[in-house]
């Protein structure tokens, strides 16, 4: 048997009923839709809810907010610093090795081990990375962000505008 020999069982496939072809036979005139009313007329959208405010309009949109003071750090782990072979690590040297992107703020994280004394300058350090670097005999230096602290002053502070 080949694929072109396959046929459906006798009587299993029926032709589509052609409605609305004159009043002479079954399915003529109103074409099985009954008389009058919204459903007897042309199609209505599936999302239509009979004139009440539809779900897609009731659902709230554009919620949440973007924090203007968020600082996005590029993470670098201890194992990457250890494998880099650098004695002095800073964002410029990491950029030249291709470990961070241009103009990114670097944060050192504590994954992996560091086996030698290294001077690390970065914008942020995790506690575990800080302890691992100092335990290996290295030093850390936190670089300031170029704009300083951009957070608004605390409520009730003496520096608020009156």
N, C-alpha and C. Protein backbone atom coordinates (compact mmCIF):
# COMPACT_ATOMS: atom_id res chain seq x y z
N UNK A 1 0.85 -1.19 0.00
CA UNK A 1 0.00 0.00 0.00
C UNK A 1 0.88 1.23 0.00
N UNK A 2 0.52 2.19 -0.82
CA UNK A 2 1.26 3.43 -0.90
C UNK A 2 0.40 4.57 -0.40
N UNK A 3 1.04 5.72 -0.20
CA UNK A 3 0.32 6.84 0.41
C UNK A 3 -0.80 7.36 -0.49
N UNK A 4 -0.64 7.20 -1.81
CA UNK A 4 -1.69 7.68 -2.70
C UNK A 4 -2.88 6.71 -2.76
N UNK A 5 -2.72 5.52 -2.16
CA UNK A 5 -3.83 4.58 -2.12
C UNK A 5 -4.75 4.79 -0.91
N UNK A 6 -4.30 5.62 0.06
CA UNK A 6 -5.09 5.83 1.28
C UNK A 6 -6.33 6.65 0.98
N UNK A 7 -7.46 6.20 1.54
CA UNK A 7 -8.72 6.92 1.39
C UNK A 7 -9.45 6.83 2.72
N UNK A 8 -10.25 7.83 3.05
CA UNK A 8 -11.05 7.72 4.28
C UNK A 8 -12.12 6.64 4.13
N UNK A 9 -12.59 6.13 5.26
CA UNK A 9 -13.62 5.09 5.24
C UNK A 9 -14.88 5.62 4.56
N UNK A 10 -15.63 4.74 3.95
CA UNK A 10 -16.83 5.12 3.21
C UNK A 10 -17.85 5.76 4.16
N UNK A 11 -18.29 6.95 3.83
CA UNK A 11 -19.30 7.64 4.63
C UNK A 11 -18.74 8.46 5.78
N UNK A 12 -17.41 8.44 5.99
CA UNK A 12 -16.86 9.20 7.11
C UNK A 12 -16.69 10.67 6.79
N UNK A 13 -16.48 11.01 5.55
CA UNK A 13 -16.36 12.41 5.15
C UNK A 13 -17.62 12.85 4.43
N UNK A 14 -18.18 13.96 4.91
CA UNK A 14 -19.38 14.48 4.27
C UNK A 14 -19.09 15.86 3.73
N UNK A 15 -19.81 16.23 2.71
CA UNK A 15 -19.64 17.56 2.14
C UNK A 15 -20.20 18.60 3.09
N UNK A 16 -19.64 19.79 3.03
CA UNK A 16 -20.11 20.91 3.83
C UNK A 16 -21.50 21.30 3.37
N UNK A 17 -22.35 21.65 4.35
CA UNK A 17 -23.71 22.07 4.01
C UNK A 17 -23.68 23.50 3.49
N UNK A 18 -24.14 23.70 2.27
CA UNK A 18 -24.13 25.02 1.67
C UNK A 18 -25.45 25.69 1.97
N UNK A 19 -25.38 26.73 2.82
CA UNK A 19 -26.61 27.39 3.26
C UNK A 19 -26.72 28.75 2.59
N UNK A 20 -27.93 29.31 2.63
CA UNK A 20 -28.15 30.65 2.09
C UNK A 20 -28.10 30.69 0.59
N UNK A 21 -28.64 29.65 -0.09
CA UNK A 21 -28.61 29.60 -1.55
C UNK A 21 -30.02 29.62 -2.12
N UNK A 22 -30.87 30.46 -1.57
CA UNK A 22 -32.25 30.57 -2.08
C UNK A 22 -33.21 29.81 -1.18
N UNK A 23 -34.51 30.09 -1.37
CA UNK A 23 -35.53 29.54 -0.46
C UNK A 23 -36.05 28.18 -0.92
N UNK A 24 -35.46 27.62 -1.95
CA UNK A 24 -35.98 26.38 -2.52
C UNK A 24 -35.81 25.17 -1.61
N UNK A 25 -34.79 25.09 -0.82
CA UNK A 25 -34.57 23.88 -0.02
C UNK A 25 -34.19 24.22 1.41
N UNK A 26 -33.70 23.21 2.15
CA UNK A 26 -33.28 23.42 3.55
C UNK A 26 -32.08 24.36 3.58
N UNK A 27 -32.04 25.21 4.59
CA UNK A 27 -30.90 26.11 4.73
C UNK A 27 -30.99 27.35 3.87
N UNK A 28 -32.14 27.62 3.33
CA UNK A 28 -32.31 28.82 2.53
C UNK A 28 -32.76 29.99 3.39
N UNK A 29 -32.95 31.13 2.78
CA UNK A 29 -33.42 32.36 3.40
C UNK A 29 -32.57 32.78 4.59
N UNK A 30 -32.88 32.35 5.83
CA UNK A 30 -32.11 32.81 7.00
C UNK A 30 -30.87 31.96 7.24
N UNK A 31 -30.68 30.90 6.49
CA UNK A 31 -29.47 30.08 6.53
C UNK A 31 -29.20 29.49 7.91
N UNK A 32 -30.25 29.09 8.61
CA UNK A 32 -30.08 28.43 9.90
C UNK A 32 -29.77 29.35 11.05
N UNK A 33 -29.86 30.67 10.83
CA UNK A 33 -29.53 31.61 11.90
C UNK A 33 -30.76 32.09 12.66
N UNK A 34 -31.91 31.65 12.32
CA UNK A 34 -33.11 32.16 12.96
C UNK A 34 -33.48 33.51 12.37
N UNK A 35 -34.34 34.24 13.07
CA UNK A 35 -34.73 35.53 12.53
C UNK A 35 -34.31 36.66 13.46
N UNK A 36 -33.84 37.71 12.91
CA UNK A 36 -33.47 38.94 13.59
C UNK A 36 -32.45 38.71 14.72
N UNK A 37 -32.08 39.79 15.33
CA UNK A 37 -31.12 39.72 16.44
C UNK A 37 -29.68 39.85 15.98
N UNK A 38 -28.80 40.09 16.95
CA UNK A 38 -27.39 40.35 16.63
C UNK A 38 -26.72 39.15 15.97
N UNK A 39 -27.04 37.95 16.43
CA UNK A 39 -26.37 36.76 15.90
C UNK A 39 -26.87 36.37 14.52
N UNK A 40 -27.99 36.92 14.10
CA UNK A 40 -28.48 36.64 12.75
C UNK A 40 -27.77 37.49 11.72
N UNK A 41 -27.11 38.54 12.18
CA UNK A 41 -26.46 39.47 11.26
C UNK A 41 -24.98 39.10 11.08
N UNK A 42 -24.21 40.02 10.54
CA UNK A 42 -22.81 39.72 10.27
C UNK A 42 -22.05 39.44 11.56
N UNK A 43 -20.85 38.95 11.41
CA UNK A 43 -20.08 38.47 12.56
C UNK A 43 -19.79 39.60 13.54
N UNK A 44 -19.70 39.22 14.81
CA UNK A 44 -19.30 40.16 15.86
C UNK A 44 -17.97 39.66 16.43
N UNK A 45 -17.11 40.54 16.94
CA UNK A 45 -15.82 40.09 17.44
C UNK A 45 -15.96 39.13 18.61
N UNK A 46 -15.03 38.21 18.75
CA UNK A 46 -15.06 37.22 19.83
C UNK A 46 -14.94 37.91 21.18
N UNK A 47 -14.28 39.08 21.24
CA UNK A 47 -14.07 39.77 22.51
C UNK A 47 -15.27 40.64 22.91
N UNK A 48 -16.31 40.70 22.06
CA UNK A 48 -17.44 41.58 22.33
C UNK A 48 -18.25 41.05 23.51
N UNK A 49 -18.60 41.93 24.45
CA UNK A 49 -19.28 41.51 25.67
C UNK A 49 -20.65 42.15 25.82
N UNK A 50 -21.33 42.40 24.73
CA UNK A 50 -22.70 42.88 24.80
C UNK A 50 -22.83 44.30 25.27
N UNK A 51 -21.88 45.15 25.01
CA UNK A 51 -22.01 46.55 25.35
C UNK A 51 -21.39 46.92 26.69
N UNK A 52 -21.12 45.93 27.57
CA UNK A 52 -20.44 46.29 28.82
C UNK A 52 -18.98 46.55 28.53
N UNK A 53 -18.32 47.19 29.48
CA UNK A 53 -16.91 47.52 29.30
C UNK A 53 -16.12 46.22 29.17
N UNK A 54 -15.46 45.97 28.04
CA UNK A 54 -14.83 44.68 27.81
C UNK A 54 -13.58 44.47 28.67
N UNK A 55 -13.22 43.21 28.79
CA UNK A 55 -12.11 42.82 29.66
C UNK A 55 -10.81 43.50 29.26
N UNK A 56 -10.53 43.58 27.98
CA UNK A 56 -9.26 44.17 27.54
C UNK A 56 -9.19 45.66 27.83
N UNK A 57 -10.34 46.29 28.08
CA UNK A 57 -10.34 47.70 28.48
C UNK A 57 -10.27 47.85 30.00
N UNK A 58 -10.85 46.87 30.71
CA UNK A 58 -10.88 46.93 32.17
C UNK A 58 -9.52 46.64 32.79
N UNK A 59 -8.70 45.82 32.12
CA UNK A 59 -7.41 45.42 32.69
C UNK A 59 -6.48 46.63 32.73
N UNK A 60 -5.86 46.90 33.86
CA UNK A 60 -4.98 48.07 33.95
C UNK A 60 -3.73 47.92 33.09
N UNK A 61 -3.29 49.05 32.57
CA UNK A 61 -2.12 49.05 31.69
C UNK A 61 -1.09 50.03 32.21
N UNK A 62 0.12 49.91 31.73
CA UNK A 62 1.20 50.86 31.99
C UNK A 62 1.45 51.05 33.49
N UNK A 63 1.49 49.95 34.22
CA UNK A 63 1.76 50.04 35.64
C UNK A 63 3.26 49.86 35.89
N UNK A 64 3.66 50.08 37.13
CA UNK A 64 5.06 49.95 37.49
C UNK A 64 5.81 51.23 37.16
N UNK A 65 7.10 51.22 37.46
CA UNK A 65 7.89 52.40 37.14
C UNK A 65 9.35 52.00 36.98
N UNK A 66 10.11 52.85 36.35
CA UNK A 66 11.54 52.64 36.18
C UNK A 66 12.28 53.56 37.14
N UNK A 67 13.10 52.96 37.98
CA UNK A 67 13.83 53.72 38.98
C UNK A 67 14.91 54.57 38.30
N UNK A 68 14.83 55.91 38.40
CA UNK A 68 15.84 56.74 37.74
C UNK A 68 17.20 56.69 38.43
N UNK A 69 17.26 56.17 39.66
CA UNK A 69 18.52 56.13 40.40
C UNK A 69 19.18 54.76 40.36
N UNK A 70 18.65 53.84 39.56
CA UNK A 70 19.21 52.49 39.49
C UNK A 70 20.61 52.53 38.87
N UNK A 71 21.50 51.76 39.47
CA UNK A 71 22.86 51.65 38.93
C UNK A 71 23.05 50.22 38.46
N UNK A 72 23.32 50.02 37.17
CA UNK A 72 23.52 48.69 36.61
C UNK A 72 25.02 48.37 36.62
N UNK A 73 25.38 47.33 37.36
CA UNK A 73 26.77 46.92 37.45
C UNK A 73 27.05 45.75 36.51
N UNK A 74 28.28 45.68 36.01
CA UNK A 74 28.74 44.52 35.26
C UNK A 74 29.47 43.64 36.27
N UNK A 75 29.00 42.41 36.43
CA UNK A 75 29.56 41.51 37.44
C UNK A 75 30.83 40.85 36.91
N UNK A 76 31.83 40.76 37.77
CA UNK A 76 33.07 40.04 37.46
C UNK A 76 33.40 39.19 38.68
N UNK A 77 33.70 37.93 38.49
CA UNK A 77 33.92 37.01 39.59
C UNK A 77 35.41 36.85 39.88
N UNK A 78 35.68 36.31 41.08
CA UNK A 78 37.07 36.13 41.52
C UNK A 78 37.84 35.18 40.60
N UNK A 79 37.19 34.13 40.11
CA UNK A 79 37.90 33.19 39.24
C UNK A 79 38.34 33.86 37.95
N UNK A 80 37.57 34.82 37.44
CA UNK A 80 37.96 35.55 36.22
C UNK A 80 39.15 36.45 36.51
N UNK A 81 39.17 37.07 37.70
CA UNK A 81 40.31 37.92 38.08
C UNK A 81 41.56 37.06 38.26
N UNK A 82 41.41 35.90 38.88
CA UNK A 82 42.54 35.00 39.11
C UNK A 82 43.11 34.49 37.79
N UNK A 83 42.23 34.19 36.83
CA UNK A 83 42.68 33.66 35.53
C UNK A 83 43.22 34.74 34.61
N UNK A 84 42.91 36.02 34.90
CA UNK A 84 43.34 37.09 34.00
C UNK A 84 44.85 37.31 34.03
N UNK A 85 45.51 36.97 35.14
CA UNK A 85 46.96 37.14 35.25
C UNK A 85 47.39 38.56 35.54
N UNK A 86 46.45 39.44 35.87
CA UNK A 86 46.78 40.83 36.16
C UNK A 86 47.09 41.00 37.64
N UNK A 87 48.09 41.85 37.97
CA UNK A 87 48.41 42.13 39.37
C UNK A 87 47.58 43.30 39.88
N UNK A 88 47.21 44.20 38.98
CA UNK A 88 46.39 45.35 39.35
C UNK A 88 45.15 45.34 38.45
N UNK A 89 43.99 45.17 39.07
CA UNK A 89 42.75 45.04 38.30
C UNK A 89 41.91 46.29 38.48
N UNK A 90 41.54 46.90 37.36
CA UNK A 90 40.61 48.04 37.38
C UNK A 90 39.75 47.95 36.13
N UNK A 91 38.70 48.77 36.01
CA UNK A 91 37.81 48.65 34.85
C UNK A 91 38.51 48.78 33.50
N UNK A 92 39.55 49.61 33.43
CA UNK A 92 40.26 49.79 32.16
C UNK A 92 41.00 48.51 31.77
N UNK A 93 41.68 47.88 32.74
CA UNK A 93 42.41 46.64 32.43
C UNK A 93 41.45 45.50 32.10
N UNK A 94 40.29 45.46 32.79
CA UNK A 94 39.30 44.44 32.48
C UNK A 94 38.70 44.65 31.09
N UNK A 95 38.55 45.92 30.69
CA UNK A 95 38.05 46.23 29.35
C UNK A 95 39.04 45.78 28.29
N UNK A 96 40.33 45.99 28.54
CA UNK A 96 41.35 45.58 27.57
C UNK A 96 41.42 44.06 27.43
N UNK A 97 41.08 43.32 28.51
CA UNK A 97 41.05 41.86 28.45
C UNK A 97 39.73 41.34 27.86
N UNK A 98 38.74 42.24 27.69
CA UNK A 98 37.45 41.85 27.14
C UNK A 98 36.51 41.23 28.16
N UNK A 99 36.75 41.48 29.44
CA UNK A 99 35.92 40.88 30.49
C UNK A 99 34.71 41.74 30.85
N UNK A 100 34.76 43.05 30.56
CA UNK A 100 33.62 43.93 30.82
C UNK A 100 33.40 44.79 29.59
N UNK A 101 32.24 45.43 29.56
CA UNK A 101 31.91 46.31 28.44
C UNK A 101 32.41 47.72 28.67
N UNK A 102 32.37 48.52 27.61
CA UNK A 102 32.85 49.90 27.67
C UNK A 102 31.90 50.75 28.51
N UNK A 103 32.46 51.54 29.41
CA UNK A 103 31.69 52.46 30.22
C UNK A 103 30.83 51.81 31.28
N UNK A 104 31.09 50.55 31.61
CA UNK A 104 30.25 49.87 32.60
C UNK A 104 30.85 50.01 34.00
N UNK A 105 29.98 49.98 34.99
CA UNK A 105 30.40 50.00 36.39
C UNK A 105 30.63 48.56 36.82
N UNK A 106 31.78 48.30 37.44
CA UNK A 106 32.20 46.93 37.74
C UNK A 106 31.92 46.61 39.20
N UNK A 107 31.34 45.44 39.42
CA UNK A 107 31.15 44.93 40.78
C UNK A 107 31.79 43.55 40.84
N UNK A 108 32.64 43.34 41.85
CA UNK A 108 33.35 42.08 42.01
C UNK A 108 32.52 41.17 42.91
N UNK A 109 32.25 39.96 42.41
CA UNK A 109 31.47 38.97 43.15
C UNK A 109 32.38 37.81 43.58
N UNK A 110 31.92 37.03 44.56
CA UNK A 110 32.79 36.07 45.23
C UNK A 110 32.82 34.66 44.69
N UNK A 111 32.42 34.40 43.45
CA UNK A 111 32.49 33.04 42.92
C UNK A 111 33.93 32.68 42.59
N UNK A 112 34.36 31.52 43.00
CA UNK A 112 35.72 31.05 42.70
C UNK A 112 36.69 31.40 43.81
N UNK A 113 37.95 31.09 43.57
CA UNK A 113 39.00 31.35 44.56
C UNK A 113 40.05 32.27 43.94
N UNK A 114 40.70 33.02 44.81
CA UNK A 114 41.81 33.86 44.37
C UNK A 114 43.04 33.40 45.14
N UNK A 115 44.13 33.12 44.43
CA UNK A 115 45.28 32.46 45.05
C UNK A 115 46.49 33.38 45.18
N UNK A 116 46.39 34.62 44.78
CA UNK A 116 47.54 35.52 44.85
C UNK A 116 47.09 36.91 45.28
N UNK A 117 48.05 37.70 45.70
CA UNK A 117 47.74 39.06 46.15
C UNK A 117 47.51 39.95 44.93
N UNK A 118 46.36 40.57 44.89
CA UNK A 118 45.96 41.40 43.75
C UNK A 118 45.36 42.70 44.29
N UNK A 119 45.69 43.81 43.64
CA UNK A 119 45.04 45.08 43.95
C UNK A 119 43.85 45.24 43.02
N UNK A 120 42.66 45.35 43.61
CA UNK A 120 41.44 45.40 42.81
C UNK A 120 40.76 46.74 43.05
N UNK A 121 40.54 47.49 41.96
CA UNK A 121 39.78 48.73 42.01
C UNK A 121 38.49 48.53 41.21
N UNK A 122 37.35 48.71 41.89
CA UNK A 122 36.05 48.52 41.23
C UNK A 122 35.03 49.42 41.90
N UNK A 123 33.84 49.50 41.30
CA UNK A 123 32.79 50.35 41.84
C UNK A 123 32.01 49.69 42.96
N UNK A 124 32.11 48.36 43.07
CA UNK A 124 31.39 47.66 44.13
C UNK A 124 32.00 46.30 44.39
N UNK A 125 31.83 45.81 45.61
CA UNK A 125 32.34 44.50 46.02
C UNK A 125 31.27 43.80 46.86
N UNK A 126 31.15 42.48 46.67
CA UNK A 126 30.31 41.72 47.59
C UNK A 126 31.16 41.41 48.83
N UNK A 127 30.49 41.09 49.93
CA UNK A 127 31.21 40.81 51.19
C UNK A 127 32.16 39.63 51.02
N UNK A 128 31.70 38.58 50.33
CA UNK A 128 32.53 37.38 50.16
C UNK A 128 33.76 37.68 49.29
N UNK A 129 33.60 38.53 48.27
CA UNK A 129 34.74 38.89 47.42
C UNK A 129 35.73 39.73 48.20
N UNK A 130 35.22 40.63 49.03
CA UNK A 130 36.07 41.50 49.84
C UNK A 130 36.93 40.68 50.80
N UNK A 131 36.29 39.73 51.49
CA UNK A 131 37.05 38.91 52.44
C UNK A 131 38.04 38.00 51.73
N UNK A 132 37.69 37.45 50.56
CA UNK A 132 38.59 36.55 49.83
C UNK A 132 39.82 37.29 49.32
N UNK A 133 39.63 38.51 48.83
CA UNK A 133 40.77 39.28 48.30
C UNK A 133 41.72 39.67 49.43
N UNK A 134 41.18 40.15 50.55
CA UNK A 134 42.04 40.55 51.67
C UNK A 134 42.69 39.34 52.32
N UNK A 135 42.03 38.18 52.35
CA UNK A 135 42.62 36.95 52.91
C UNK A 135 43.79 36.46 52.06
N UNK A 136 43.74 36.73 50.75
CA UNK A 136 44.84 36.32 49.86
C UNK A 136 45.99 37.32 49.88
N UNK A 137 45.85 38.38 50.68
CA UNK A 137 46.92 39.37 50.77
C UNK A 137 46.75 40.54 49.82
N UNK A 138 45.63 40.63 49.15
CA UNK A 138 45.38 41.71 48.20
C UNK A 138 44.72 42.90 48.87
N UNK A 139 44.54 43.95 48.11
CA UNK A 139 43.87 45.14 48.61
C UNK A 139 42.71 45.49 47.68
N UNK A 140 41.70 46.16 48.26
CA UNK A 140 40.56 46.61 47.46
C UNK A 140 40.44 48.12 47.57
N UNK A 141 39.93 48.71 46.49
CA UNK A 141 39.68 50.14 46.48
C UNK A 141 38.34 50.37 45.77
N UNK A 142 37.42 51.01 46.48
CA UNK A 142 36.10 51.27 45.91
C UNK A 142 36.15 52.57 45.12
N UNK A 143 35.86 52.48 43.82
CA UNK A 143 35.85 53.65 42.96
C UNK A 143 34.52 54.38 43.12
N UNK A 144 34.53 55.71 43.18
CA UNK A 144 33.26 56.43 43.30
C UNK A 144 32.53 56.44 41.96
N UNK A 145 31.20 56.48 42.03
CA UNK A 145 30.41 56.63 40.82
C UNK A 145 30.56 58.07 40.35
N UNK A 146 30.51 58.35 39.04
CA UNK A 146 30.83 59.68 38.53
C UNK A 146 29.88 60.78 38.99
N UNK A 147 28.68 60.44 39.38
CA UNK A 147 27.73 61.46 39.78
C UNK A 147 27.53 61.54 41.28
N UNK A 148 28.17 60.68 42.04
CA UNK A 148 28.00 60.68 43.49
C UNK A 148 26.70 60.01 43.88
N UNK A 149 26.13 60.45 45.00
CA UNK A 149 24.88 59.87 45.48
C UNK A 149 23.72 60.68 44.92
N UNK A 150 22.91 60.05 44.05
CA UNK A 150 21.82 60.76 43.39
C UNK A 150 20.49 60.61 44.12
N UNK A 151 20.47 59.91 45.24
CA UNK A 151 19.20 59.72 45.93
C UNK A 151 18.72 61.03 46.54
N UNK A 152 17.40 61.22 46.58
CA UNK A 152 16.88 62.45 47.20
C UNK A 152 17.13 62.41 48.70
N UNK A 153 17.19 63.57 49.35
CA UNK A 153 17.43 63.58 50.79
C UNK A 153 16.29 62.91 51.54
N UNK A 154 16.61 62.36 52.72
CA UNK A 154 15.62 61.66 53.52
C UNK A 154 14.54 62.63 54.00
N UNK A 155 13.34 62.13 54.22
CA UNK A 155 12.25 62.97 54.69
C UNK A 155 12.56 63.44 56.10
N UNK A 156 12.26 64.69 56.37
CA UNK A 156 12.54 65.24 57.70
C UNK A 156 13.98 65.65 57.87
N UNK A 157 14.76 65.58 56.79
CA UNK A 157 16.17 65.97 56.87
C UNK A 157 16.26 67.50 56.94
N UNK A 158 17.34 67.98 57.51
CA UNK A 158 17.53 69.44 57.64
C UNK A 158 17.88 70.08 56.31
N UNK A 159 18.18 69.26 55.28
CA UNK A 159 18.61 69.80 54.00
C UNK A 159 17.47 69.89 52.98
N UNK A 160 16.26 69.55 53.37
CA UNK A 160 15.16 69.62 52.41
C UNK A 160 14.77 71.07 52.14
N UNK A 161 14.27 71.32 50.95
CA UNK A 161 13.81 72.69 50.60
C UNK A 161 12.48 72.96 51.29
N UNK A 162 12.34 74.19 51.77
CA UNK A 162 11.08 74.54 52.47
C UNK A 162 10.23 75.41 51.61
